[in-house]
Protein backbone atom coordinates (compact mmCIF):
# COMPACT_ATOMS: atom_id res chain seq x y z
CA MET A 1 104.09 -107.93 -166.38
CA ALA A 2 105.00 -105.28 -164.13
CA ASN A 3 104.59 -102.53 -166.19
CA THR A 4 101.35 -103.80 -167.97
CA ASN A 5 99.99 -103.99 -164.38
CA THR A 6 100.50 -100.81 -163.46
CA ASN A 7 99.20 -99.07 -166.68
CA THR A 8 96.07 -101.21 -166.25
CA ASN A 9 95.56 -99.71 -162.95
CA THR A 10 96.13 -96.28 -164.06
CA ASP A 11 93.93 -96.98 -166.59
CA THR A 12 91.06 -97.98 -164.05
CA SER A 13 92.22 -95.47 -162.18
CA ALA A 14 91.26 -92.70 -164.80
CA ASP A 15 88.13 -94.37 -165.92
CA THR A 16 86.78 -94.34 -162.56
CA GLY A 17 87.28 -90.70 -162.08
CA ASN A 18 85.90 -89.90 -165.01
CA HIS A 19 82.44 -92.22 -164.30
CA ASP A 20 82.26 -90.47 -160.95
CA ALA A 21 82.62 -86.42 -162.02
CA PRO A 22 79.21 -86.45 -163.96
CA LEU A 23 78.06 -87.96 -160.91
CA THR A 24 79.68 -85.77 -158.79
CA LEU A 25 78.32 -82.89 -161.58
CA LEU A 26 74.63 -84.07 -161.10
CA ALA A 27 74.48 -84.24 -157.23
CA ALA A 28 76.12 -80.79 -157.21
CA ILE A 29 73.50 -79.31 -159.24
CA VAL A 30 70.67 -81.42 -157.68
CA ASN A 31 71.83 -79.96 -154.01
CA SER A 32 72.01 -76.38 -155.57
CA SER A 33 68.18 -76.23 -156.74
CA ASP A 34 66.06 -74.37 -155.23
CA ASP A 35 63.83 -77.13 -155.09
CA ALA A 36 63.58 -79.88 -152.35
CA ILE A 37 64.32 -82.76 -154.36
CA ILE A 38 64.09 -86.20 -152.19
CA GLY A 39 64.98 -89.30 -153.02
CA SER A 40 63.57 -92.34 -151.71
CA ASP A 41 64.13 -95.88 -152.63
CA LEU A 42 60.85 -98.68 -153.10
CA ASN A 43 60.55 -99.15 -149.72
CA GLY A 44 59.60 -95.77 -148.82
CA ARG A 45 62.80 -94.69 -146.88
CA ILE A 46 64.50 -91.61 -147.70
CA ILE A 47 68.30 -92.23 -149.37
CA THR A 48 69.34 -88.69 -151.07
CA TRP A 49 67.96 -85.02 -149.52
CA ASN A 50 69.25 -82.19 -150.94
CA ASN A 51 69.83 -78.53 -149.49
CA ALA A 52 66.66 -76.88 -150.64
CA ALA A 53 65.17 -79.60 -148.48
CA SER A 54 66.37 -79.15 -145.61
CA GLY A 55 65.72 -75.40 -145.60
CA LEU A 56 61.28 -76.37 -146.67
CA PHE A 57 61.19 -79.15 -143.80
CA GLY A 58 63.75 -78.31 -141.18
CA HIS A 59 65.15 -81.56 -140.94
CA VAL A 60 69.50 -82.19 -140.96
CA ARG A 61 70.08 -84.69 -143.52
CA ASP A 62 72.09 -87.07 -141.41
CA VAL A 63 69.12 -87.50 -139.53
CA ILE A 64 66.09 -87.28 -142.11
CA LEU A 65 68.09 -90.09 -144.22
CA GLY A 66 66.40 -93.65 -143.68
CA GLN A 67 63.20 -92.05 -142.80
CA PRO A 68 60.54 -92.72 -144.59
CA PHE A 69 59.64 -90.07 -146.78
CA GLU A 70 56.00 -90.22 -146.30
CA SER A 71 56.94 -88.86 -142.51
CA LEU A 72 57.64 -85.38 -144.89
CA PHE A 73 53.45 -85.11 -144.56
CA PRO A 74 50.19 -85.11 -142.83
CA ALA A 75 49.00 -88.36 -142.77
CA GLY A 76 46.10 -89.11 -145.48
CA GLN A 77 47.84 -86.09 -147.93
CA LEU A 78 49.95 -89.12 -149.86
CA PRO A 79 49.40 -92.79 -151.11
CA ASP A 80 51.72 -94.87 -150.05
CA HIS A 81 55.04 -95.91 -151.42
CA VAL A 82 53.68 -98.97 -152.66
CA THR A 83 50.54 -97.38 -154.56
CA LEU A 84 52.59 -94.52 -155.88
CA ALA A 85 55.67 -96.91 -157.37
CA GLN A 86 52.21 -99.15 -159.30
CA LEU A 87 51.02 -95.65 -160.20
CA LEU A 88 54.03 -94.30 -161.78
CA GLN A 89 54.81 -98.00 -163.36
CA GLN A 90 51.97 -96.46 -165.96
CA ASN A 91 53.24 -92.88 -165.83
CA SER A 92 56.64 -91.08 -165.78
CA ALA A 93 55.16 -88.50 -163.18
CA ILE A 94 53.17 -87.82 -160.73
CA GLY A 95 51.81 -84.21 -160.47
CA GLN A 96 52.02 -80.94 -160.63
CA PHE A 97 49.57 -81.21 -157.10
CA GLU A 98 49.32 -79.27 -154.21
CA THR A 99 48.96 -80.57 -150.93
CA MET A 100 50.27 -79.85 -147.25
CA GLY A 101 54.07 -80.57 -146.25
CA ARG A 102 54.68 -81.36 -142.66
CA ARG A 103 58.06 -79.74 -141.28
CA ALA A 104 60.42 -80.77 -138.11
CA ASP A 105 58.21 -79.21 -135.92
CA GLY A 106 55.13 -80.33 -136.51
CA SER A 107 53.75 -77.28 -138.48
CA GLU A 108 52.33 -77.62 -141.98
CA VAL A 109 53.03 -75.70 -144.65
CA PRO A 110 51.35 -75.74 -148.28
CA VAL A 111 53.96 -77.50 -151.23
CA SER A 112 53.72 -77.91 -154.57
CA LEU A 113 54.72 -81.75 -155.04
CA THR A 114 55.87 -83.34 -158.37
CA ILE A 115 56.61 -87.40 -157.76
CA SER A 116 58.60 -88.91 -160.56
CA ALA A 117 59.81 -92.80 -161.22
CA ILE A 118 64.07 -93.24 -160.82
CA ARG A 119 64.93 -96.02 -163.23
CA ASP A 120 67.16 -98.22 -164.13
CA ALA A 121 69.08 -98.69 -167.16
CA SER A 122 66.58 -101.06 -168.45
CA GLY A 123 63.92 -98.63 -167.12
CA ASN A 124 62.74 -100.28 -164.29
CA ILE A 125 62.04 -98.48 -161.48
CA PHE A 126 64.35 -98.60 -158.75
CA GLY A 127 63.17 -95.78 -156.71
CA LEU A 128 60.73 -92.30 -155.89
CA SER A 129 61.83 -88.74 -156.89
CA LEU A 130 60.03 -86.15 -155.09
CA SER A 131 60.47 -82.52 -156.16
CA ALA A 132 58.57 -79.77 -153.66
CA ARG A 133 58.13 -75.96 -153.42
CA ASP A 134 57.18 -74.05 -150.97
CA PHE A 135 53.26 -72.96 -152.17
CA SER A 136 52.81 -70.44 -149.42
CA ASN A 137 53.01 -67.55 -151.92
CA GLY A 138 50.54 -69.51 -154.06
CA TYR A 139 48.46 -70.66 -151.76
CA LYS A 140 48.12 -66.99 -149.93
CA MET A 141 46.79 -65.69 -153.49
CA ALA A 142 43.94 -68.43 -154.05
CA ALA A 143 43.13 -68.04 -150.16
CA ARG A 144 42.89 -64.63 -151.59
CA LEU A 145 41.27 -64.99 -154.64
CA THR A 146 38.50 -67.39 -152.97
CA GLN A 147 37.70 -64.75 -150.61
CA SER A 148 37.65 -62.05 -153.62
CA GLU A 149 35.15 -64.82 -155.25
CA ARG A 150 32.63 -65.62 -152.03
CA HIS A 151 32.65 -61.15 -151.61
CA PHE A 152 32.07 -61.22 -154.97
CA ARG A 153 29.36 -63.40 -154.50
CA GLN A 154 28.31 -61.96 -151.52
CA VAL A 155 27.65 -58.27 -153.14
CA VAL A 156 26.06 -59.53 -156.58
CA ASN A 157 23.30 -61.47 -154.32
CA ALA A 158 22.96 -58.30 -152.16
CA ALA A 159 22.42 -56.05 -155.40
CA PRO A 160 18.72 -54.57 -155.53
CA ASN A 161 18.74 -55.14 -159.63
CA ALA A 162 18.86 -58.27 -160.77
CA MET A 163 22.51 -59.97 -161.19
CA ILE A 164 23.32 -62.15 -163.86
CA LEU A 165 26.64 -63.81 -164.33
CA VAL A 166 26.95 -65.73 -168.28
CA GLY A 167 30.59 -67.56 -169.33
CA SER A 168 32.43 -67.14 -172.51
CA ASN A 169 29.64 -70.24 -173.24
CA GLY A 170 27.32 -68.50 -173.11
CA LEU A 171 25.40 -69.71 -170.45
CA ILE A 172 24.20 -68.93 -167.37
CA GLU A 173 26.32 -69.12 -164.11
CA MET A 174 24.81 -67.23 -161.36
CA ALA A 175 22.30 -65.26 -160.76
CA ASN A 176 20.73 -63.33 -157.46
CA GLY A 177 17.91 -63.29 -155.74
CA ARG A 178 16.65 -60.44 -157.47
CA ALA A 179 16.78 -62.08 -160.67
CA GLU A 180 14.65 -65.35 -159.25
CA GLN A 181 12.01 -62.63 -158.23
CA LEU A 182 12.30 -60.47 -161.64
CA PHE A 183 12.44 -63.25 -163.84
CA GLY A 184 10.24 -66.17 -161.86
CA TYR A 185 12.93 -68.85 -161.96
CA THR A 186 14.45 -70.21 -159.12
CA ARG A 187 18.20 -69.80 -159.57
CA ALA A 188 18.80 -73.93 -159.95
CA GLU A 189 16.57 -73.62 -163.01
CA LEU A 190 18.69 -70.61 -164.28
CA MET A 191 21.92 -72.40 -163.72
CA GLY A 192 23.65 -73.82 -167.17
CA GLN A 193 20.96 -72.45 -169.14
CA PRO A 194 21.86 -69.79 -171.92
CA LEU A 195 20.83 -65.79 -170.94
CA ASP A 196 18.08 -66.31 -174.35
CA MET A 197 15.70 -67.66 -172.13
CA LEU A 198 14.81 -64.63 -170.76
CA VAL A 199 14.58 -62.44 -174.37
CA PRO A 200 11.59 -62.45 -176.24
CA GLU A 201 11.99 -64.52 -178.93
CA ARG A 202 11.86 -62.70 -182.00
CA PHE A 203 14.65 -60.94 -179.94
CA ARG A 204 17.47 -63.91 -179.65
CA GLU A 205 20.51 -64.34 -181.11
CA PRO A 206 21.07 -66.70 -183.57
CA ASP A 207 23.93 -67.82 -182.55
CA PRO A 208 23.33 -69.30 -178.94
CA GLY A 209 27.35 -69.20 -178.74
CA LEU A 210 27.72 -65.13 -178.26
CA PRO A 211 26.71 -64.37 -174.27
CA ALA A 212 25.43 -61.30 -173.57
CA THR A 213 24.29 -59.94 -177.20
CA CYS A 214 21.04 -61.28 -176.19
CA PHE A 215 20.06 -58.05 -175.26
CA ALA A 216 21.93 -55.69 -177.59
CA GLN A 217 20.05 -57.39 -180.39
CA GLN A 218 17.07 -55.69 -179.49
CA GLU A 219 18.78 -52.59 -180.12
CA ALA A 220 19.82 -53.85 -183.59
CA ALA A 221 16.50 -54.96 -184.35
CA THR A 222 14.66 -51.34 -184.00
CA THR A 223 15.22 -47.84 -185.49
CA SER A 224 14.87 -45.50 -183.04
CA LYS A 225 17.11 -44.64 -180.10
CA ALA A 226 14.47 -44.22 -177.43
CA SER A 227 13.11 -47.72 -178.26
CA GLU A 228 12.91 -49.65 -174.94
CA LEU A 229 14.50 -53.51 -174.33
CA TYR A 230 12.46 -55.96 -173.30
CA ALA A 231 13.04 -58.91 -170.61
CA LEU A 232 10.85 -62.22 -170.55
CA ARG A 233 9.61 -63.14 -167.93
CA LYS A 234 8.54 -67.46 -166.59
CA ASP A 235 5.14 -67.19 -167.30
CA GLY A 236 5.83 -65.51 -170.55
CA THR A 237 4.92 -61.88 -169.62
CA GLU A 238 6.97 -59.43 -171.17
CA PHE A 239 8.35 -56.07 -169.18
CA PRO A 240 10.77 -53.07 -170.41
CA VAL A 241 14.10 -53.27 -168.89
CA GLU A 242 17.37 -51.45 -168.76
CA VAL A 243 20.24 -53.40 -168.81
CA GLY A 244 24.03 -53.13 -168.06
CA LEU A 245 26.62 -55.54 -169.84
CA ASN A 246 30.18 -55.59 -168.50
CA PRO A 247 33.12 -58.22 -169.26
CA ILE A 248 35.17 -59.55 -166.51
CA ASP A 249 38.48 -60.91 -167.21
CA THR A 250 38.44 -64.94 -165.19
CA ALA A 251 41.19 -67.74 -165.45
CA ASP A 252 38.23 -69.70 -167.41
CA GLY A 253 37.98 -66.61 -170.05
CA VAL A 254 35.90 -63.28 -170.62
CA LYS A 255 32.67 -63.53 -168.76
CA THR A 256 29.93 -60.57 -168.25
CA LEU A 257 27.89 -59.98 -165.44
CA SER A 258 24.30 -58.11 -166.74
CA ALA A 259 22.49 -56.12 -164.70
CA ILE A 260 18.75 -55.52 -165.55
CA VAL A 261 16.50 -53.34 -163.90
CA ASP A 262 12.83 -53.68 -164.48
CA MET A 263 11.59 -50.46 -166.20
CA SER A 264 7.88 -51.02 -165.83
CA GLU A 265 7.39 -48.76 -163.10
CA ARG A 266 8.98 -46.26 -164.39
CA LYS A 267 7.21 -46.56 -168.05
CA ARG A 268 4.25 -45.92 -166.19
CA PHE A 269 5.36 -43.04 -164.60
CA THR A 270 6.98 -40.80 -168.19
CA ASP A 271 3.82 -42.25 -169.69
CA GLU A 272 1.50 -40.86 -166.77
CA LEU A 273 3.96 -37.49 -167.45
CA SER A 274 4.13 -37.71 -171.12
CA ARG A 275 0.24 -37.55 -171.17
CA ARG A 276 -0.46 -35.23 -168.30
CA ASN A 277 2.30 -32.70 -170.16
CA GLN A 278 0.92 -33.76 -173.80
CA GLU A 279 -3.23 -32.36 -172.33
CA LEU A 280 -1.23 -29.05 -170.68
CA LYS A 281 -0.26 -28.05 -173.56
CA ASP A 282 -3.27 -28.60 -175.25
CA PHE A 283 -4.81 -26.56 -172.80
CA ALA A 284 -2.62 -24.01 -172.94
CA TYR A 285 -3.11 -23.68 -177.54
CA VAL A 286 -6.86 -23.90 -176.10
CA ALA A 287 -6.28 -21.26 -173.98
CA SER A 288 -4.71 -19.19 -175.73
CA HIS A 289 -7.16 -19.58 -178.54
CA ASP A 290 -10.56 -19.35 -176.43
CA LEU A 291 -9.40 -16.43 -174.49
CA LYS A 292 -8.22 -14.05 -177.26
CA ALA A 293 -12.12 -13.92 -178.53
CA PRO A 294 -13.44 -13.07 -175.36
CA LEU A 295 -10.18 -10.06 -174.96
CA ARG A 296 -11.40 -9.11 -178.50
CA GLY A 297 -14.36 -8.36 -178.18
CA VAL A 298 -14.25 -6.65 -174.67
CA ASN A 299 -11.32 -4.18 -176.18
CA GLN A 300 -13.92 -3.46 -179.44
CA LEU A 301 -15.94 -2.72 -176.63
CA ALA A 302 -13.65 -0.38 -174.68
CA THR A 303 -13.18 1.39 -178.15
CA TRP A 304 -16.81 1.70 -179.55
CA ILE A 305 -17.35 3.45 -175.98
CA THR A 306 -14.71 5.98 -176.38
CA GLU A 307 -16.27 6.79 -179.99
CA ASP A 308 -19.77 6.92 -178.77
CA LEU A 309 -18.43 9.46 -175.88
CA GLU A 310 -16.16 10.99 -177.91
CA GLY A 311 -16.02 14.60 -175.86
CA GLN A 312 -18.50 13.48 -173.75
CA ILE A 313 -15.77 12.07 -171.18
CA ASN A 314 -13.29 13.83 -169.45
CA GLU A 315 -9.64 13.28 -169.26
CA GLU A 316 -10.19 10.22 -166.29
CA THR A 317 -12.47 8.32 -167.95
CA SER A 318 -10.22 8.16 -170.61
CA GLU A 319 -7.48 7.34 -169.51
CA HIS A 320 -9.30 4.50 -167.24
CA LEU A 321 -9.95 2.99 -171.13
CA HIS A 322 -7.18 3.24 -172.07
CA LEU A 323 -5.42 1.48 -169.69
CA MET A 324 -8.37 -1.20 -170.02
CA ARG A 325 -6.91 -1.72 -173.97
CA VAL A 326 -3.47 -1.38 -172.90
CA ARG A 327 -4.07 -4.46 -170.29
CA ILE A 328 -6.24 -6.58 -172.75
CA THR A 329 -3.45 -6.15 -175.39
CA ARG A 330 -0.58 -7.18 -172.13
CA MET A 331 -3.15 -10.29 -171.45
CA GLU A 332 -3.39 -11.45 -176.02
CA LYS A 333 0.66 -10.68 -175.20
CA LEU A 334 0.95 -13.37 -171.96
CA LEU A 335 -1.36 -15.92 -173.81
CA ASP A 336 1.14 -15.63 -177.19
CA ASP A 337 3.63 -16.01 -174.57
CA LEU A 338 2.22 -18.82 -172.72
CA LEU A 339 2.01 -21.39 -175.52
CA LEU A 340 5.27 -20.74 -177.35
CA TYR A 341 6.51 -21.33 -173.94
CA PHE A 342 4.45 -24.85 -174.37
CA ARG A 343 5.77 -25.31 -177.65
CA ALA A 344 10.00 -24.26 -177.37
CA ASP A 345 11.14 -27.56 -176.64
CA ASN A 346 9.67 -28.21 -180.67
CA LEU A 347 11.56 -25.61 -182.13
CA GLY A 348 14.40 -26.88 -182.73
CA GLY A 349 12.83 -28.10 -186.51
CA SER A 350 14.79 -28.22 -189.75
CA THR A 351 18.31 -26.52 -190.16
CA GLU A 352 19.49 -24.18 -192.62
CA CYS A 353 22.90 -22.88 -193.43
CA ILE A 354 23.11 -18.87 -192.15
CA ASP A 355 25.70 -16.35 -191.24
CA PHE A 356 25.09 -16.19 -187.97
CA ALA A 357 26.50 -12.08 -187.83
CA GLU A 358 24.18 -11.61 -190.44
CA MET A 359 21.33 -13.00 -188.37
CA ALA A 360 22.33 -10.80 -185.31
CA ARG A 361 22.29 -7.81 -187.03
CA ASP A 362 18.84 -8.72 -189.20
CA VAL A 363 17.38 -9.09 -185.61
CA PHE A 364 18.79 -5.75 -184.03
CA GLU A 365 17.89 -3.74 -186.66
CA LEU A 366 13.98 -5.64 -186.19
CA CYS A 367 14.04 -4.99 -182.75
CA CYS A 368 15.49 -1.11 -182.60
CA SER A 369 14.39 0.71 -185.38
CA ASP A 370 15.91 4.61 -184.91
CA ALA A 371 19.41 5.14 -184.20
CA SER A 372 19.08 5.59 -180.83
CA TYR A 373 20.96 2.26 -179.52
CA ALA A 374 24.22 0.86 -181.46
CA LEU A 375 25.14 -2.69 -181.59
CA GLU A 376 28.61 -3.73 -182.00
CA LEU A 377 29.35 -7.87 -183.20
CA GLN A 378 32.86 -9.14 -181.35
CA GLY A 379 34.62 -12.36 -182.10
CA SER A 380 34.50 -14.74 -185.50
CA PHE A 381 30.97 -15.66 -185.65
CA PRO A 382 30.03 -18.81 -187.86
CA GLN A 383 28.95 -19.67 -190.62
CA ALA A 384 26.91 -22.99 -190.61
CA ASP A 385 23.43 -24.89 -189.97
CA THR A 386 22.03 -24.25 -187.21
CA HIS A 387 17.94 -24.33 -186.27
CA LYS A 388 17.54 -21.22 -187.92
CA VAL A 389 13.71 -20.31 -186.07
CA ALA A 390 15.16 -20.94 -182.93
CA LEU A 391 18.04 -19.02 -183.03
CA GLU A 392 16.19 -16.15 -184.39
CA LEU A 393 13.92 -16.65 -181.30
CA VAL A 394 16.25 -16.15 -178.88
CA LEU A 395 18.48 -13.15 -180.17
CA ARG A 396 15.55 -10.95 -180.73
CA ASN A 397 13.98 -11.96 -176.98
CA LEU A 398 17.82 -10.89 -175.81
CA ILE A 399 18.15 -7.53 -177.26
CA ASN A 400 14.55 -6.79 -176.93
CA ASN A 401 15.34 -7.33 -173.19
CA ALA A 402 18.47 -5.31 -173.73
CA ILE A 403 16.36 -1.94 -175.14
CA LYS A 404 13.20 -2.35 -173.07
CA HIS A 405 15.05 -2.62 -169.43
CA HIS A 406 17.17 -0.38 -170.24
CA ASP A 407 17.42 2.69 -167.99
CA LYS A 408 18.49 5.22 -170.48
CA ALA A 409 17.27 6.72 -173.60
CA SER A 410 20.03 5.57 -175.59
CA GLY A 411 22.44 2.46 -174.86
CA HIS A 412 25.47 0.06 -176.99
CA ILE A 413 24.31 -3.14 -177.16
CA ILE A 414 27.43 -6.10 -177.60
CA VAL A 415 26.51 -9.45 -179.34
CA ARG A 416 30.21 -11.37 -178.75
CA SER A 417 31.21 -15.19 -180.32
CA LEU A 418 33.09 -16.70 -177.54
CA PRO A 419 35.29 -19.48 -177.59
CA SER A 420 33.89 -22.69 -176.56
CA PRO A 421 35.45 -25.27 -174.07
CA ASP A 422 33.02 -27.72 -175.89
CA ASP A 423 33.59 -29.06 -179.32
CA GLN A 424 29.82 -29.73 -180.16
CA PHE A 425 28.67 -26.44 -178.95
CA TYR A 426 28.80 -22.72 -180.04
CA LEU A 427 29.42 -19.98 -177.08
CA PHE A 428 27.31 -16.56 -177.63
CA GLU A 429 27.00 -13.07 -175.05
CA VAL A 430 24.25 -10.91 -175.19
CA ALA A 431 25.53 -7.59 -172.95
CA ASP A 432 24.13 -4.50 -172.10
CA ASP A 433 25.38 -1.20 -170.61
CA GLY A 434 22.31 -0.39 -168.83
CA ALA A 435 21.73 -0.79 -165.28
CA GLY A 436 22.08 -4.56 -164.71
CA ILE A 437 20.53 -6.84 -162.43
CA ALA A 438 21.37 -7.80 -158.51
CA PRO A 439 22.95 -11.33 -158.29
CA GLU A 440 19.99 -12.17 -156.00
CA HIS A 441 17.57 -12.29 -158.91
CA TYR A 442 19.67 -13.90 -161.31
CA GLU A 443 17.76 -16.90 -161.22
CA ARG A 444 14.65 -15.68 -160.80
CA VAL A 445 14.99 -13.91 -164.04
CA PHE A 446 14.34 -17.50 -165.27
CA ALA A 447 11.05 -18.06 -164.05
CA MET A 448 7.52 -18.17 -165.90
CA PHE A 449 5.73 -14.75 -165.12
CA GLN A 450 7.93 -12.80 -163.48
CA THR A 451 9.38 -9.43 -163.93
CA LEU A 452 11.91 -6.96 -161.67
CA ARG A 453 10.24 -3.65 -162.46
CA PRO A 454 6.52 -3.37 -162.45
CA ARG A 455 4.22 -4.06 -165.58
CA ASP A 456 2.38 -0.58 -165.91
CA GLU A 457 6.47 0.88 -166.29
CA VAL A 458 7.61 -1.95 -168.71
CA GLU A 459 5.26 -4.21 -170.80
CA GLY A 460 5.50 -7.62 -170.94
CA SER A 461 4.44 -11.28 -169.64
CA GLY A 462 7.81 -12.08 -167.86
CA MET A 463 7.27 -15.17 -170.02
CA GLY A 464 10.42 -13.89 -172.83
CA LEU A 465 13.49 -15.17 -170.42
CA ALA A 466 11.56 -18.49 -169.73
CA VAL A 467 10.14 -19.17 -173.40
CA ILE A 468 14.62 -18.45 -174.55
CA LYS A 469 16.05 -21.00 -171.09
CA LYS A 470 13.32 -23.88 -172.53
CA THR A 471 14.13 -22.82 -175.64
CA ILE A 472 18.01 -23.47 -175.66
CA GLU A 473 17.38 -26.17 -173.15
CA SER A 474 15.93 -28.46 -175.55
CA LEU A 475 18.10 -28.54 -177.60
CA GLY A 476 21.13 -29.73 -175.16
CA GLY A 477 22.77 -25.77 -174.54
CA SER A 478 22.38 -23.67 -171.11
CA ILE A 479 22.37 -19.78 -170.03
CA SER A 480 23.27 -17.75 -167.26
CA LEU A 481 23.29 -13.99 -166.71
CA ALA A 482 26.10 -12.65 -165.08
CA ALA A 483 27.39 -8.08 -164.91
CA ASN A 484 28.73 -6.99 -167.75
CA GLN A 485 31.56 -4.45 -166.97
CA PRO A 486 31.92 -1.38 -166.33
CA ARG A 487 27.82 -2.00 -165.77
CA GLY A 488 25.00 -3.86 -167.27
CA ALA A 489 24.22 -7.12 -167.95
CA ALA A 490 25.40 -10.55 -169.87
CA PHE A 491 23.44 -13.22 -171.04
CA ARG A 492 26.01 -16.15 -172.23
CA PHE A 493 24.55 -19.20 -173.98
CA SER A 494 25.45 -22.50 -175.35
CA TRP A 495 24.39 -23.36 -178.83
CA PRO A 496 24.83 -26.82 -180.24
CA ARG A 497 26.80 -27.15 -183.79
CA VAL A 498 24.79 -29.26 -185.89
CA VAL A 499 27.13 -32.30 -187.86
CA GLY A 500 26.61 -33.89 -190.66
């Protein structure tokens, strides 16, 4: 019996040790957790407390044990322990939610809290478990986000253009004061409505679930890139708009911020400007043709006078008649160039495949019929489709100018094909070895009716370079003037590559 009792006691001791080991391990795990873990009985008295709880709330474990857990939270932050127990009868846990905790020194700290039921083997609740984590960083981030959202709304509300925020469901979530003025709706009337309500019905997106595509739908429904977008006011009137659509990633999904600009005034201005430009072109055309007739008549009279008085007029009178005919011819050339200037932005027209080097040689031969001037081509010239008529006009004027304004009876003209930094343009240069142009006149030479020498010395209307500049710029290119080395001038211009 003695031996039996000894063996039994040993076994019991061993069994007790085996049961305590998991509990000790569990307690160690709880105590080493980074989360504050607090256990209470059904009366709300704290019965377990780990190291993280001391660090978070500032209480010493031996002091806080037996105290109500409600003391760890400001009044009104949590239901009482009875209500919590009742709630946990239906749910295994309450959380995760953010609330405020109260430290031992009375200060408050934001915490993320989870409350769970502690049940026995039969499933009956005999206590509550509270798991808390310091939420200060998250709280600060949430505060910053709230502040950022407030600033965002302030910026949107202060914007001079209509601003409308559309959710991923296509419904309006925010509109500023300018949007109210522009569309005639109050913000309350806009909130929760589809953005399509601000678009004429013929352009509305058939799928209302596609947000912020209703303005883009208008572009798809038109064939011209220059076509306008239209918006719809509350009173049913339509007006032209310019729309910018900017996607914004948020926690609730991608939203779209629409910036809408009323283009009514600008459209009226551009329409009026187009009308005035057309009137000016019409005037230039009429003036060119109607003024040429009397000029030709005056020229004919001067010729008749010369013929009728042949041998009877002195040398001075004969020179005056000659000057009259020269200036009539100059006036006719000026009228031709004036008309050409107003047509310069329409010179692009159809395209042809040409050899650029061959065109430069042909134009030079047309401009210089004798051997007093030499042409040199430098670089690799393309063979490609281009606006032939416009390019021929540019080269002819530049080469003509180089010869006409040369200070010597002979010279050297260079046409260069240069490497272009832009793959959408070719780069060319026409240079000469003449007297050159002073830097202070570089911009002046491209203006209308500008010549650097008296017209009685060098015939010209002063329109050539203005026509060139307008022609090149109408096709998207540019032209500039620089000094050539060691002497002369160099006109460099970019010329569009025709794609497709």
